[in-house]
Amino acid sequence: MAHAIRIHQVGGPEVMKWEAVEVGDPGPGQIRIKTTAAGLNYIDTYHRSGLYKMPLPLTLGMEGAGTVTAVGADVTDIKVGDRVAYASAPLGSYSEERLMQADRCVVLPDGISDQQAAGMMLKGMTTEYLVRRTYAIKPGDTVLFHAAAGGVGLIFGQWAKALGATVIGTVSSEDKAKLAREHGYDHVINYKTENFAERVKEITKGEGVPVVYDGVGKDTWNGSLDCLRPLGLMVSFGNASGPVPPIELATLSAKGSLFVTRPTLVTYTAKRADLVGSANALFDVVKSGKVKIEIKQTYALKDAAKAHEDLESRKTTGSTLLLP
């Protein structure tokens, strides 16, 4: 029997249980994967807490990498022994072994390790759609990213810089500011000691930025709108501080005919071709050396509750792995 981290009710990290599970054989279109590493992501806390409602009981985890141990009928492009990675539903990466839909997995190329993949698939493909598709960053753009020392943030800073942008980031401590500067950020604002909207206006000489990428949510929403230049785009892709409250559309017109989008990786990789294209773009930029994937913390898979506690208390930086 394999073991997995499961929840039978929503709540805090204490609801997470280390349990024996029956994996079974893969059905049509499925593969069985022996997990070598699972990624820790903030969205996992939303599934655990009930902010994003899911059927219970539930094995947590959207992101992982491992070796294929069995292949179901109708699977033609993945074989036993392949190294694969994924970052999508159905959930279940917090497990020693699991079944997964083959069309949601990509085969890892030489030069990308299992641990790199498990630490970057969700965060890296999120960065890919943010910088290349939601708002396609161009040389000379100045852009703002909140939580610059987080998992997406460290990848974003490097990738945006490689695209020719001037990159502004916000952080909550001087240690995180140093880390952000080491990962492509030209200007780093400690939002606990500075007014980030005022600093952005200073940096841009009053013009504002064309785009704000915000995975923080409630706490940064109003200030982020004030950072945008007229016709700017507010990209709200996460809720680390809580969901954004309802807004009056008139606010967007008053602040300069602003645009708002609430994108998700699920939508941007819904088609198999888009998933593969996003993953390949990520693999290419990592193999080129322009983006380095650094695993900042590891925990034993059975200690996932501790990992959630540290993530929610902002003790972690960059990518974190859970290891079976």
Foldseek 3Di string as FASTA:
>chain_A
DKWAWKAQDADALVRTAIDDDDADADEAQKWKWQFFWAWDDPVQNCPRRVVPDDDPGAGAGQWTKGFTCHDYPPDDPDDGGFIKIAGHDPGHNLIRMHMDRPLRIDTDDPPQDRVLRNQALFLQLVLLCVCPPPPPAAAPFEEEEEQLQAANNLQNQLVNVVRHYAYEYEDQDPVSVVSSVVRRHPHYHNVVVDLVLVVLCVVVVNQAGQEYAYAQAQVCVVSNLSRHHAQHEYEHAHHLPHHHDDDDPVVCVVSHVYHYDHDHSCVQPVDSVSSVVSVVVSSVCCSVVSGDADAFEEAASSVVSVVSVCVSVVVDGHIYIHGD
